[in-house]
Amino acid sequence: MKKTLWISLGVILLLIGVTVWYKYYFVFGEGVKSGYLNYAMKKGYVFKTYEGKLIQEGFGKGKTGTITSYEFEFSVEDPEIFKQLETNSGKTFDLHYKEYNGALPWRGNTKFIVDKVVNMK
């Protein structure tokens, strides 16, 4: 009876661990987004995180032939990357990001974490 209880408890803890890892630490996707940096700011009540928004131009679902904009909201973990973004707001950036399945409060408000500035114009 005791052995079955310990095995069941171990399996449950293992399943919880795998679920937390998959939800918050597994990198679901990676890529590069390009656009104009709209803003970069530090915000939060308990956990102060670095947040930003990139405006991407392109042809969208609006009227035929019109240019619409798409917004890419992201978080930044590295203070050095944030400083570079903050001092160059309004410029065009190519940002490398990682997409997670969930957001952690100390990592940022979004599932997208920018980890590198590829190019700045």
PDB file of N, CA and C in Angstrom:
ATOM      1  N   MET A   1       0.827  -1.197   0.000  1.00  0.00           N
ATOM      2  CA  MET A   1       0.000   0.000   0.000  1.00  0.00           C
ATOM      3  C   MET A   1       0.870   1.259   0.000  1.00  0.00           C
ATOM      4  N   LYS A   2       1.880   1.280   0.879  1.00  0.00           N
ATOM      5  CA  LYS A   2       2.769   2.446   0.958  1.00  0.00           C
ATOM      6  C   LYS A   2       3.571   2.624  -0.328  1.00  0.00           C
ATOM      7  N   LYS A   3       4.027   1.529  -0.889  1.00  0.00           N
ATOM      8  CA  LYS A   3       4.815   1.584  -2.108  1.00  0.00           C
ATOM      9  C   LYS A   3       3.976   2.134  -3.267  1.00  0.00           C
ATOM     10  N   THR A   4       2.737   1.721  -3.382  1.00  0.00           N
ATOM     11  CA  THR A   4       1.838   2.203  -4.424  1.00  0.00           C
ATOM     12  C   THR A   4       1.575   3.702  -4.256  1.00  0.00           C
ATOM     13  N   LEU A   5       1.427   4.147  -3.025  1.00  0.00           N
ATOM     14  CA  LEU A   5       1.206   5.564  -2.747  1.00  0.00           C
ATOM     15  C   LEU A   5       2.412   6.396  -3.177  1.00  0.00           C
ATOM     16  N   TRP A   6       3.625   5.938  -2.862  1.00  0.00           N
ATOM     17  CA  TRP A   6       4.841   6.665  -3.244  1.00  0.00           C
ATOM     18  C   TRP A   6       5.035   6.683  -4.763  1.00  0.00           C
ATOM     19  N   ILE A   7       4.734   5.584  -5.424  1.00  0.00           N
ATOM     20  CA  ILE A   7       4.850   5.537  -6.888  1.00  0.00           C
ATOM     21  C   ILE A   7       3.830   6.482  -7.525  1.00  0.00           C
ATOM     22  N   SER A   8       2.602   6.480  -7.013  1.00  0.00           N
ATOM     23  CA  SER A   8       1.565   7.371  -7.538  1.00  0.00           C
ATOM     24  C   SER A   8       1.945   8.832  -7.335  1.00  0.00           C
ATOM     25  N   LEU A   9       2.470   9.145  -6.160  1.00  0.00           N
ATOM     26  CA  LEU A   9       2.892  10.509  -5.864  1.00  0.00           C
ATOM     27  C   LEU A   9       4.043  10.933  -6.786  1.00  0.00           C
ATOM     28  N   GLY A  10       4.979  10.043  -7.028  1.00  0.00           N
ATOM     29  CA  GLY A  10       6.095  10.326  -7.928  1.00  0.00           C
ATOM     30  C   GLY A  10       5.631  10.579  -9.349  1.00  0.00           C
ATOM     31  N   VAL A  11       4.696   9.761  -9.827  1.00  0.00           N
ATOM     32  CA  VAL A  11       4.168   9.925 -11.177  1.00  0.00           C
ATOM     33  C   VAL A  11       3.422  11.252 -11.299  1.00  0.00           C
ATOM     34  N   ILE A  12       2.630  11.606 -10.289  1.00  0.00           N
ATOM     35  CA  ILE A  12       1.885  12.866 -10.310  1.00  0.00           C
ATOM     36  C   ILE A  12       2.847  14.056 -10.325  1.00  0.00           C
ATOM     37  N   LEU A  13       3.888  14.016  -9.485  1.00  0.00           N
ATOM     38  CA  LEU A  13       4.870  15.096  -9.460  1.00  0.00           C
ATOM     39  C   LEU A  13       5.627  15.201 -10.784  1.00  0.00           C
ATOM     40  N   LEU A  14       5.940  14.065 -11.382  1.00  0.00           N
ATOM     41  CA  LEU A  14       6.603  14.052 -12.679  1.00  0.00           C
ATOM     42  C   LEU A  14       5.716  14.678 -13.752  1.00  0.00           C
ATOM     43  N   LEU A  15       4.435  14.338 -13.758  1.00  0.00           N
ATOM     44  CA  LEU A  15       3.496  14.905 -14.730  1.00  0.00           C
ATOM     45  C   LEU A  15       3.340  16.417 -14.538  1.00  0.00           C
ATOM     46  N   ILE A  16       3.282  16.862 -13.299  1.00  0.00           N
ATOM     47  CA  ILE A  16       3.186  18.301 -13.024  1.00  0.00           C
ATOM     48  C   ILE A  16       4.456  19.001 -13.510  1.00  0.00           C
ATOM     49  N   GLY A  17       5.617  18.403 -13.241  1.00  0.00           N
ATOM     50  CA  GLY A  17       6.884  18.989 -13.687  1.00  0.00           C
ATOM     51  C   GLY A  17       6.971  19.100 -15.198  1.00  0.00           C
ATOM     52  N   VAL A  18       6.583  18.060 -15.902  1.00  0.00           N
ATOM     53  CA  VAL A  18       6.621  18.074 -17.366  1.00  0.00           C
ATOM     54  C   VAL A  18       5.636  19.109 -17.912  1.00  0.00           C
ATOM     55  N   THR A  19       4.463  19.216 -17.306  1.00  0.00           N
ATOM     56  CA  THR A  19       3.462  20.188 -17.745  1.00  0.00           C
ATOM     57  C   THR A  19       3.963  21.621 -17.558  1.00  0.00           C
ATOM     58  N   VAL A  20       4.557  21.910 -16.407  1.00  0.00           N
ATOM     59  CA  VAL A  20       5.100  23.257 -16.147  1.00  0.00           C
ATOM     60  C   VAL A  20       6.235  23.561 -17.118  1.00  0.00           C
ATOM     61  N   TRP A  21       7.121  22.596 -17.339  1.00  0.00           N
ATOM     62  CA  TRP A  21       8.218  22.796 -18.289  1.00  0.00           C
ATOM     63  C   TRP A  21       7.669  23.095 -19.680  1.00  0.00           C
ATOM     64  N   TYR A  22       6.705  22.309 -20.147  1.00  0.00           N
ATOM     65  CA  TYR A  22       6.149  22.487 -21.488  1.00  0.00           C
ATOM     66  C   TYR A  22       5.435  23.826 -21.620  1.00  0.00           C
ATOM     67  N   LYS A  23       4.708  24.227 -20.603  1.00  0.00           N
ATOM     68  CA  LYS A  23       3.924  25.466 -20.656  1.00  0.00           C
ATOM     69  C   LYS A  23       4.804  26.713 -20.600  1.00  0.00           C
ATOM     70  N   TYR A  24       5.851  26.707 -19.759  1.00  0.00           N
ATOM     71  CA  TYR A  24       6.581  27.937 -19.495  1.00  0.00           C
ATOM     72  C   TYR A  24       8.048  27.957 -19.946  1.00  0.00           C
ATOM     73  N   TYR A  25       8.651  26.826 -20.229  1.00  0.00           N
ATOM     74  CA  TYR A  25      10.079  26.809 -20.555  1.00  0.00           C
ATOM     75  C   TYR A  25      10.404  26.190 -21.906  1.00  0.00           C
ATOM     76  N   PHE A  26       9.479  25.478 -22.517  1.00  0.00           N
ATOM     77  CA  PHE A  26       9.677  24.873 -23.827  1.00  0.00           C
ATOM     78  C   PHE A  26       9.545  25.967 -24.893  1.00  0.00           C
ATOM     79  N   VAL A  27      10.555  26.118 -25.739  1.00  0.00           N
ATOM     80  CA  VAL A  27      10.517  27.111 -26.816  1.00  0.00           C
ATOM     81  C   VAL A  27       9.689  26.534 -27.955  1.00  0.00           C
ATOM     82  N   PHE A  28       8.501  27.098 -28.142  1.00  0.00           N
ATOM     83  CA  PHE A  28       7.566  26.624 -29.153  1.00  0.00           C
ATOM     84  C   PHE A  28       7.999  27.054 -30.551  1.00  0.00           C
ATOM     85  N   GLY A  29       8.552  28.263 -30.660  1.00  0.00           N
ATOM     86  CA  GLY A  29       8.969  28.754 -31.964  1.00  0.00           C
ATOM     87  C   GLY A  29      10.006  29.859 -31.820  1.00  0.00           C
ATOM     88  N   GLU A  30      10.759  30.067 -32.889  1.00  0.00           N
ATOM     89  CA  GLU A  30      11.751  31.132 -32.951  1.00  0.00           C
ATOM     90  C   GLU A  30      11.618  31.821 -34.290  1.00  0.00           C
ATOM     91  N   GLY A  31      12.005  33.091 -34.330  1.00  0.00           N
ATOM     92  CA  GLY A  31      11.937  33.798 -35.598  1.00  0.00           C
ATOM     93  C   GLY A  31      12.471  35.207 -35.486  1.00  0.00           C
ATOM     94  N   VAL A  32      12.300  35.949 -36.566  1.00  0.00           N
ATOM     95  CA  VAL A  32      12.727  37.343 -36.623  1.00  0.00           C
ATOM     96  C   VAL A  32      11.542  38.166 -37.103  1.00  0.00           C
ATOM     97  N   LYS A  33      11.282  39.262 -36.405  1.00  0.00           N
ATOM     98  CA  LYS A  33      10.247  40.210 -36.810  1.00  0.00           C
ATOM     99  C   LYS A  33      10.922  41.534 -37.112  1.00  0.00           C
ATOM    100  N   SER A  34      10.436  42.214 -38.143  1.00  0.00           N
ATOM    101  CA  SER A  34      10.986  43.503 -38.550  1.00  0.00           C
ATOM    102  C   SER A  34       9.906  44.564 -38.507  1.00  0.00           C
ATOM    103  N   GLY A  35      10.301  45.769 -38.117  1.00  0.00           N
ATOM    104  CA  GLY A  35       9.354  46.873 -38.101  1.00  0.00           C
ATOM    105  C   GLY A  35       9.898  48.050 -37.318  1.00  0.00           C
ATOM    106  N   TYR A  36       9.041  49.064 -37.179  1.00  0.00           N
ATOM    107  CA  TYR A  36       9.409  50.267 -36.440  1.00  0.00           C
ATOM    108  C   TYR A  36       9.110  50.049 -34.962  1.00  0.00           C
ATOM    109  N   LEU A  37      10.057  50.405 -34.126  1.00  0.00           N
ATOM    110  CA  LEU A  37       9.863  50.276 -32.685  1.00  0.00           C
ATOM    111  C   LEU A  37       8.963  51.413 -32.218  1.00  0.00           C
ATOM    112  N   ASN A  38       7.771  51.056 -31.758  1.00  0.00           N
ATOM    113  CA  ASN A  38       6.809  52.040 -31.290  1.00  0.00           C
ATOM    114  C   ASN A  38       7.157  52.503 -29.880  1.00  0.00           C
ATOM    115  N   TYR A  39       7.409  51.557 -28.988  1.00  0.00           N
ATOM    116  CA  TYR A  39       7.809  51.925 -27.630  1.00  0.00           C
ATOM    117  C   TYR A  39       8.572  50.797 -26.966  1.00  0.00           C
ATOM    118  N   ALA A  40       9.350  51.173 -25.967  1.00  0.00           N
ATOM    119  CA  ALA A  40      10.043  50.235 -25.087  1.00  0.00           C
ATOM    120  C   ALA A  40       9.940  50.821 -23.689  1.00  0.00           C
ATOM    121  N   MET A  41       9.415  50.047 -22.753  1.00  0.00           N
ATOM    122  CA  MET A  41       9.222  50.567 -21.401  1.00  0.00           C
ATOM    123  C   MET A  41       9.400  49.481 -20.355  1.00  0.00           C
ATOM    124  N   LYS A  42       9.636  49.938 -19.143  1.00  0.00           N
ATOM    125  CA  LYS A  42       9.742  49.045 -17.992  1.00  0.00           C
ATOM    126  C   LYS A  42       8.486  49.253 -17.172  1.00  0.00           C
ATOM    127  N   LYS A  43       7.747  48.168 -16.886  1.00  0.00           N
ATOM    128  CA  LYS A  43       6.502  48.328 -16.156  1.00  0.00           C
ATOM    129  C   LYS A  43       6.202  47.102 -15.312  1.00  0.00           C
ATOM    130  N   GLY A  44       5.273  47.253 -14.394  1.00  0.00           N
ATOM    131  CA  GLY A  44       4.821  46.156 -13.564  1.00  0.00           C
ATOM    132  C   GLY A  44       4.605  46.598 -12.135  1.00  0.00           C
ATOM    133  N   TYR A  45       3.736  45.896 -11.423  1.00  0.00           N
ATOM    134  CA  TYR A  45       3.446  46.198 -10.024  1.00  0.00           C
ATOM    135  C   TYR A  45       4.448  45.534  -9.103  1.00  0.00           C
ATOM    136  N   VAL A  46       4.595  44.235  -9.227  1.00  0.00           N
ATOM    137  CA  VAL A  46       5.526  43.480  -8.376  1.00  0.00           C
ATOM    138  C   VAL A  46       6.804  43.181  -9.136  1.00  0.00           C
ATOM    139  N   PHE A  47       6.671  42.587 -10.307  1.00  0.00           N
ATOM    140  CA  PHE A  47       7.809  42.254 -11.154  1.00  0.00           C
ATOM    141  C   PHE A  47       7.933  43.316 -12.241  1.00  0.00           C
ATOM    142  N   LYS A  48       8.995  44.083 -12.214  1.00  0.00           N
ATOM    143  CA  LYS A  48       9.236  45.097 -13.245  1.00  0.00           C
ATOM    144  C   LYS A  48       9.844  44.401 -14.459  1.00  0.00           C
ATOM    145  N   THR A  49       9.123  44.427 -15.555  1.00  0.00           N
ATOM    146  CA  THR A  49       9.577  43.749 -16.766  1.00  0.00           C
ATOM    147  C   THR A  49       9.725  44.761 -17.897  1.00  0.00           C
ATOM    148  N   TYR A  50      10.508  44.388 -18.888  1.00  0.00           N
ATOM    149  CA  TYR A  50      10.743  45.226 -20.060  1.00  0.00           C
ATOM    150  C   TYR A  50       9.786  44.797 -21.165  1.00  0.00           C
ATOM    151  N   GLU A  51       9.012  45.745 -21.663  1.00  0.00           N
ATOM    152  CA  GLU A  51       8.010  45.460 -22.689  1.00  0.00           C
ATOM    153  C   GLU A  51       8.231  46.384 -23.878  1.00  0.00           C
ATOM    154  N   GLY A  52       7.801  45.940 -25.051  1.00  0.00           N
ATOM    155  CA  GLY A  52       7.935  46.763 -26.245  1.00  0.00           C
ATOM    156  C   GLY A  52       6.899  46.405 -27.289  1.00  0.00           C
ATOM    157  N   LYS A  53       6.802  47.281 -28.284  1.00  0.00           N
ATOM    158  CA  LYS A  53       5.870  47.046 -29.387  1.00  0.00           C
ATOM    159  C   LYS A  53       6.541  47.446 -30.685  1.00  0.00           C
ATOM    160  N   LEU A  54       6.459  46.552 -31.664  1.00  0.00           N
ATOM    161  CA  LEU A  54       7.002  46.755 -33.001  1.00  0.00           C
ATOM    162  C   LEU A  54       5.823  46.909 -33.961  1.00  0.00           C
ATOM    163  N   ILE A  55       5.862  47.940 -34.791  1.00  0.00           N
ATOM    164  CA  ILE A  55       4.815  48.142 -35.794  1.00  0.00           C
ATOM    165  C   ILE A  55       5.343  47.636 -37.128  1.00  0.00           C
ATOM    166  N   GLN A  56       4.626  46.667 -37.698  1.00  0.00           N
ATOM    167  CA  GLN A  56       5.018  46.079 -38.983  1.00  0.00           C
ATOM    168  C   GLN A  56       4.073  46.586 -40.059  1.00  0.00           C
ATOM    169  N   GLU A  57       4.619  46.996 -41.174  1.00  0.00           N
ATOM    170  CA  GLU A  57       3.793  47.441 -42.284  1.00  0.00           C
ATOM    171  C   GLU A  57       3.635  46.316 -43.284  1.00  0.00           C
ATOM    172  N   GLY A  58       2.530  46.354 -43.980  1.00  0.00           N
ATOM    173  CA  GLY A  58       2.318  45.341 -44.997  1.00  0.00           C
ATOM    174  C   GLY A  58       0.918  45.431 -45.558  1.00  0.00           C
ATOM    175  N   PHE A  59       0.637  44.576 -46.497  1.00  0.00           N
ATOM    176  CA  PHE A  59      -0.692  44.532 -47.082  1.00  0.00           C
ATOM    177  C   PHE A  59      -1.557  43.649 -46.214  1.00  0.00           C
ATOM    178  N   GLY A  60      -2.693  44.188 -45.817  1.00  0.00           N
ATOM    179  CA  GLY A  60      -3.555  43.454 -44.894  1.00  0.00           C
ATOM    180  C   GLY A  60      -4.918  43.170 -45.476  1.00  0.00           C
ATOM    181  N   LYS A  61      -5.866  42.932 -44.589  1.00  0.00           N
ATOM    182  CA  LYS A  61      -7.216  42.552 -44.990  1.00  0.00           C
ATOM    183  C   LYS A  61      -8.130  43.759 -45.194  1.00  0.00           C
ATOM    184  N   GLY A  62      -7.550  44.943 -45.147  1.00  0.00           N
ATOM    185  CA  GLY A  62      -8.349  46.158 -45.327  1.00  0.00           C
ATOM    186  C   GLY A  62      -8.815  46.294 -46.766  1.00  0.00           C
ATOM    187  N   LYS A  63      -8.977  47.521 -47.181  1.00  0.00           N
ATOM    188  CA  LYS A  63      -9.388  47.772 -48.569  1.00  0.00           C
ATOM    189  C   LYS A  63      -8.303  47.281 -49.523  1.00  0.00           C
ATOM    190  N   THR A  64      -8.694  46.945 -50.701  1.00  0.00           N
ATOM    191  CA  THR A  64      -7.756  46.418 -51.688  1.00  0.00           C
ATOM    192  C   THR A  64      -6.649  47.428 -51.980  1.00  0.00           C
ATOM    193  N   GLY A  65      -5.404  46.975 -51.831  1.00  0.00           N
ATOM    194  CA  GLY A  65      -4.270  47.815 -52.144  1.00  0.00           C
ATOM    195  C   GLY A  65      -3.833  48.758 -51.030  1.00  0.00           C
ATOM    196  N   THR A  66      -4.519  48.754 -49.902  1.00  0.00           N
ATOM    197  CA  THR A  66      -4.132  49.656 -48.821  1.00  0.00           C
ATOM    198  C   THR A  66      -3.092  48.998 -47.932  1.00  0.00           C
ATOM    199  N   ILE A  67      -2.286  49.833 -47.311  1.00  0.00           N
ATOM    200  CA  ILE A  67      -1.274  49.332 -46.389  1.00  0.00           C
ATOM    201  C   ILE A  67      -1.839  49.391 -44.972  1.00  0.00           C
ATOM    202  N   THR A  68      -1.773  48.288 -44.283  1.00  0.00           N
ATOM    203  CA  THR A  68      -2.214  48.239 -42.893  1.00  0.00           C
ATOM    204  C   THR A  68      -1.013  47.920 -42.022  1.00  0.00           C
ATOM    205  N   SER A  69      -1.166  48.108 -40.734  1.00  0.00           N
ATOM    206  CA  SER A  69      -0.045  47.814 -39.841  1.00  0.00           C
ATOM    207  C   SER A  69      -0.417  46.698 -38.881  1.00  0.00           C
ATOM    208  N   TYR A  70       0.577  45.916 -38.524  1.00  0.00           N
ATOM    209  CA  TYR A  70       0.429  44.846 -37.562  1.00  0.00           C
ATOM    210  C   TYR A  70       1.308  45.181 -36.374  1.00  0.00           C
ATOM    211  N   GLU A  71       0.837  44.856 -35.206  1.00  0.00           N
ATOM    212  CA  GLU A  71       1.594  45.138 -33.993  1.00  0.00           C
ATOM    213  C   GLU A  71       2.163  43.846 -33.433  1.00  0.00           C
ATOM    214  N   PHE A  72       3.413  43.889 -33.046  1.00  0.00           N
ATOM    215  CA  PHE A  72       4.087  42.757 -32.411  1.00  0.00           C
ATOM    216  C   PHE A  72       4.507  43.202 -31.020  1.00  0.00           C
ATOM    217  N   GLU A  73       3.785  42.743 -30.012  1.00  0.00           N
ATOM    218  CA  GLU A  73       4.116  43.076 -28.634  1.00  0.00           C
ATOM    219  C   GLU A  73       5.027  41.990 -28.085  1.00  0.00           C
ATOM    220  N   PHE A  74       6.068  42.417 -27.378  1.00  0.00           N
ATOM    221  CA  PHE A  74       7.081  41.481 -26.905  1.00  0.00           C
ATOM    222  C   PHE A  74       7.610  41.903 -25.548  1.00  0.00           C
ATOM    223  N   SER A  75       8.331  40.995 -24.918  1.00  0.00           N
ATOM    224  CA  SER A  75       9.021  41.255 -23.660  1.00  0.00           C
ATOM    225  C   SER A  75      10.516  41.038 -23.880  1.00  0.00           C
ATOM    226  N   VAL A  76      11.326  41.642 -23.006  1.00  0.00           N
ATOM    227  CA  VAL A  76      12.779  41.528 -23.096  1.00  0.00           C
ATOM    228  C   VAL A  76      13.299  41.150 -21.716  1.00  0.00           C
ATOM    229  N   GLU A  77      14.141  40.129 -21.645  1.00  0.00           N
ATOM    230  CA  GLU A  77      14.749  39.725 -20.374  1.00  0.00           C
ATOM    231  C   GLU A  77      16.064  40.447 -20.101  1.00  0.00           C
ATOM    232  N   ASP A  78      16.852  40.682 -21.126  1.00  0.00           N
ATOM    233  CA  ASP A  78      18.204  41.235 -20.988  1.00  0.00           C
ATOM    234  C   ASP A  78      18.166  42.763 -20.896  1.00  0.00           C
ATOM    235  N   PRO A  79      18.649  43.356 -19.790  1.00  0.00           N
ATOM    236  CA  PRO A  79      18.644  44.818 -19.657  1.00  0.00           C
ATOM    237  C   PRO A  79      19.466  45.536 -20.725  1.00  0.00           C
ATOM    238  N   GLU A  80      20.528  44.913 -21.231  1.00  0.00           N
ATOM    239  CA  GLU A  80      21.352  45.541 -22.274  1.00  0.00           C
ATOM    240  C   GLU A  80      20.576  45.681 -23.589  1.00  0.00           C
ATOM    241  N   ILE A  81      19.807  44.663 -23.937  1.00  0.00           N
ATOM    242  CA  ILE A  81      18.978  44.733 -25.149  1.00  0.00           C
ATOM    243  C   ILE A  81      17.912  45.803 -24.967  1.00  0.00           C
ATOM    244  N   PHE A  82      17.319  45.863 -23.779  1.00  0.00           N
ATOM    245  CA  PHE A  82      16.306  46.880 -23.514  1.00  0.00           C
ATOM    246  C   PHE A  82      16.878  48.287 -23.649  1.00  0.00           C
ATOM    247  N   LYS A  83      18.075  48.515 -23.136  1.00  0.00           N
ATOM    248  CA  LYS A  83      18.708  49.849 -23.238  1.00  0.00           C
ATOM    249  C   LYS A  83      18.885  50.240 -24.701  1.00  0.00           C
ATOM    250  N   GLN A  84      19.309  49.284 -25.524  1.00  0.00           N
ATOM    251  CA  GLN A  84      19.488  49.554 -26.948  1.00  0.00           C
ATOM    252  C   GLN A  84      18.153  49.917 -27.602  1.00  0.00           C
ATOM    253  N   LEU A  85      17.093  49.209 -27.238  1.00  0.00           N
ATOM    254  CA  LEU A  85      15.774  49.507 -27.791  1.00  0.00           C
ATOM    255  C   LEU A  85      15.262  50.854 -27.292  1.00  0.00           C
ATOM    256  N   GLU A  86      15.436  51.103 -26.003  1.00  0.00           N
ATOM    257  CA  GLU A  86      14.917  52.309 -25.378  1.00  0.00           C
ATOM    258  C   GLU A  86      15.551  53.575 -25.973  1.00  0.00           C
ATOM    259  N   THR A  87      16.829  53.528 -26.239  1.00  0.00           N
ATOM    260  CA  THR A  87      17.516  54.709 -26.756  1.00  0.00           C
ATOM    261  C   THR A  87      17.326  54.912 -28.254  1.00  0.00           C
ATOM    262  N   ASN A  88      16.730  53.946 -28.946  1.00  0.00           N
ATOM    263  CA  ASN A  88      16.546  54.042 -30.398  1.00  0.00           C
ATOM    264  C   ASN A  88      15.093  53.875 -30.814  1.00  0.00           C
ATOM    265  N   SER A  89      14.173  54.316 -29.986  1.00  0.00           N
ATOM    266  CA  SER A  89      12.754  54.206 -30.303  1.00  0.00           C
ATOM    267  C   SER A  89      12.441  54.966 -31.587  1.00  0.00           C
ATOM    268  N   GLY A  90      11.598  54.388 -32.427  1.00  0.00           N
ATOM    269  CA  GLY A  90      11.234  55.002 -33.694  1.00  0.00           C
ATOM    270  C   GLY A  90      12.059  54.513 -34.871  1.00  0.00           C
ATOM    271  N   LYS A  91      13.123  53.795 -34.608  1.00  0.00           N
ATOM    272  CA  LYS A  91      13.958  53.255 -35.687  1.00  0.00           C
ATOM    273  C   LYS A  91      13.434  51.886 -36.123  1.00  0.00           C
ATOM    274  N   THR A  92      13.956  51.414 -37.246  1.00  0.00           N
ATOM    275  CA  THR A  92      13.569  50.106 -37.758  1.00  0.00           C
ATOM    276  C   THR A  92      14.488  49.045 -37.171  1.00  0.00           C
ATOM    277  N   PHE A  93      13.889  47.992 -36.661  1.00  0.00           N
ATOM    278  CA  PHE A  93      14.638  46.907 -36.035  1.00  0.00           C
ATOM    279  C   PHE A  93      14.273  45.572 -36.656  1.00  0.00           C
ATOM    280  N   ASP A  94      15.230  44.660 -36.670  1.00  0.00           N
ATOM    281  CA  ASP A  94      14.998  43.242 -36.920  1.00  0.00           C
ATOM    282  C   ASP A  94      15.301  42.558 -35.590  1.00  0.00           C
ATOM    283  N   LEU A  95      14.280  41.988 -34.962  1.00  0.00           N
ATOM    284  CA  LEU A  95      14.422  41.411 -33.630  1.00  0.00           C
ATOM    285  C   LEU A  95      14.239  39.904 -33.673  1.00  0.00           C
ATOM    286  N   HIS A  96      15.187  39.175 -33.095  1.00  0.00           N
ATOM    287  CA  HIS A  96      15.062  37.726 -32.955  1.00  0.00           C
ATOM    288  C   HIS A  96      14.310  37.451 -31.665  1.00  0.00           C
ATOM    289  N   TYR A  97      13.324  36.562 -31.734  1.00  0.00           N
ATOM    290  CA  TYR A  97      12.498  36.272 -30.565  1.00  0.00           C
ATOM    291  C   TYR A  97      12.303  34.770 -30.387  1.00  0.00           C
ATOM    292  N   LYS A  98      11.918  34.414 -29.172  1.00  0.00           N
ATOM    293  CA  LYS A  98      11.508  33.045 -28.851  1.00  0.00           C
ATOM    294  C   LYS A  98      10.071  33.095 -28.368  1.00  0.00           C
ATOM    295  N   GLU A  99       9.278  32.135 -28.838  1.00  0.00           N
ATOM    296  CA  GLU A  99       7.879  32.061 -28.436  1.00  0.00           C
ATOM    297  C   GLU A  99       7.689  30.883 -27.482  1.00  0.00           C
ATOM    298  N   TYR A 100       7.105  31.180 -26.336  1.00  0.00           N
ATOM    299  CA  TYR A 100       6.798  30.161 -25.338  1.00  0.00           C
ATOM    300  C   TYR A 100       5.296  29.917 -25.327  1.00  0.00           C
ATOM    301  N   ASN A 101       4.857  28.835 -24.697  1.00  0.00           N
ATOM    302  CA  ASN A 101       3.435  28.521 -24.623  1.00  0.00           C
ATOM    303  C   ASN A 101       2.707  29.320 -23.552  1.00  0.00           C
ATOM    304  N   GLY A 102       3.426  29.923 -22.640  1.00  0.00           N
ATOM    305  CA  GLY A 102       2.817  30.719 -21.582  1.00  0.00           C
ATOM    306  C   GLY A 102       3.772  31.782 -21.090  1.00  0.00           C
ATOM    307  N   ALA A 103       3.216  32.791 -20.435  1.00  0.00           N
ATOM    308  CA  ALA A 103       4.021  33.902 -19.907  1.00  0.00           C
ATOM    309  C   ALA A 103       4.230  33.731 -18.410  1.00  0.00           C
ATOM    310  N   LEU A 104       5.440  34.007 -17.957  1.00  0.00           N
ATOM    311  CA  LEU A 104       5.757  34.026 -16.531  1.00  0.00           C
ATOM    312  C   LEU A 104       5.821  35.479 -16.077  1.00  0.00           C
ATOM    313  N   PRO A 105       5.295  35.808 -14.892  1.00  0.00           N
ATOM    314  CA  PRO A 105       5.237  37.210 -14.470  1.00  0.00           C
ATOM    315  C   PRO A 105       6.598  37.890 -14.374  1.00  0.00           C
ATOM    316  N   TRP A 106       7.648  37.168 -14.029  1.00  0.00           N
ATOM    317  CA  TRP A 106       8.976  37.778 -13.907  1.00  0.00           C
ATOM    318  C   TRP A 106       9.721  37.809 -15.231  1.00  0.00           C
ATOM    319  N   ARG A 107       9.196  37.142 -16.243  1.00  0.00           N
ATOM    320  CA  ARG A 107       9.832  37.135 -17.563  1.00  0.00           C
ATOM    321  C   ARG A 107       9.211  38.178 -18.488  1.00  0.00           C
ATOM    322  N   GLY A 108       7.950  38.525 -18.260  1.00  0.00           N
ATOM    323  CA  GLY A 108       7.285  39.520 -19.095  1.00  0.00           C
ATOM    324  C   GLY A 108       5.802  39.256 -19.227  1.00  0.00           C
ATOM    325  N   ASN A 109       5.107  40.178 -19.873  1.00  0.00           N
ATOM    326  CA  ASN A 109       3.657  40.059 -20.034  1.00  0.00           C
ATOM    327  C   ASN A 109       3.240  39.273 -21.266  1.00  0.00           C
ATOM    328  N   THR A 110       4.180  38.939 -22.125  1.00  0.00           N
ATOM    329  CA  THR A 110       3.830  38.260 -23.368  1.00  0.00           C
ATOM    330  C   THR A 110       4.537  36.907 -23.467  1.00  0.00           C
ATOM    331  N   LYS A 111       4.098  36.120 -24.450  1.00  0.00           N
ATOM    332  CA  LYS A 111       4.734  34.834 -24.723  1.00  0.00           C
ATOM    333  C   LYS A 111       5.958  34.987 -25.617  1.00  0.00           C
ATOM    334  N   PHE A 112       6.172  36.189 -26.153  1.00  0.00           N
ATOM    335  CA  PHE A 112       7.276  36.446 -27.071  1.00  0.00           C
ATOM    336  C   PHE A 112       8.403  37.166 -26.333  1.00  0.00           C
ATOM    337  N   ILE A 113       9.579  36.549 -26.299  1.00  0.00           N
ATOM    338  CA  ILE A 113      10.734  37.107 -25.601  1.00  0.00           C
ATOM    339  C   ILE A 113      11.816  37.424 -26.628  1.00  0.00           C
ATOM    340  N   VAL A 114      12.163  38.705 -26.755  1.00  0.00           N
ATOM    341  CA  VAL A 114      13.234  39.124 -27.674  1.00  0.00           C
ATOM    342  C   VAL A 114      14.559  38.853 -26.993  1.00  0.00           C
ATOM    343  N   ASP A 115      15.426  38.120 -27.675  1.00  0.00           N
ATOM    344  CA  ASP A 115      16.725  37.763 -27.080  1.00  0.00           C
ATOM    345  C   ASP A 115      17.906  38.330 -27.866  1.00  0.00           C
ATOM    346  N   LYS A 116      17.633  38.994 -29.013  1.00  0.00           N
ATOM    347  CA  LYS A 116      18.759  39.521 -29.798  1.00  0.00           C
ATOM    348  C   LYS A 116      18.248  40.574 -30.786  1.00  0.00           C
ATOM    349  N   VAL A 117      19.033  41.629 -30.937  1.00  0.00           N
ATOM    350  CA  VAL A 117      18.778  42.618 -31.996  1.00  0.00           C
ATOM    351  C   VAL A 117      19.636  42.195 -33.178  1.00  0.00           C
ATOM    352  N   VAL A 118      18.983  41.793 -34.266  1.00  0.00           N
ATOM    353  CA  VAL A 118      19.679  41.320 -35.448  1.00  0.00           C
ATOM    354  C   VAL A 118      20.205  42.492 -36.262  1.00  0.00           C
ATOM    355  N   ASN A 119      19.368  43.518 -36.433  1.00  0.00           N
ATOM    356  CA  ASN A 119      19.739  44.662 -37.266  1.00  0.00           C
ATOM    357  C   ASN A 119      18.959  45.883 -36.798  1.00  0.00           C
ATOM    358  N   MET A 120      19.557  47.063 -36.956  1.00  0.00           N
ATOM    359  CA  MET A 120      18.900  48.310 -36.624  1.00  0.00           C
ATOM    360  C   MET A 120      19.235  49.330 -37.708  1.00  0.00           C
ATOM    361  N   LYS A 121      18.220  50.040 -38.205  1.00  0.00           N
ATOM    362  CA  LYS A 121      18.425  51.057 -39.249  1.00  0.00           C
ATOM    363  C   LYS A 121      17.939  52.397 -38.744  1.00  0.00           C
TER     364      LYS A 121
END
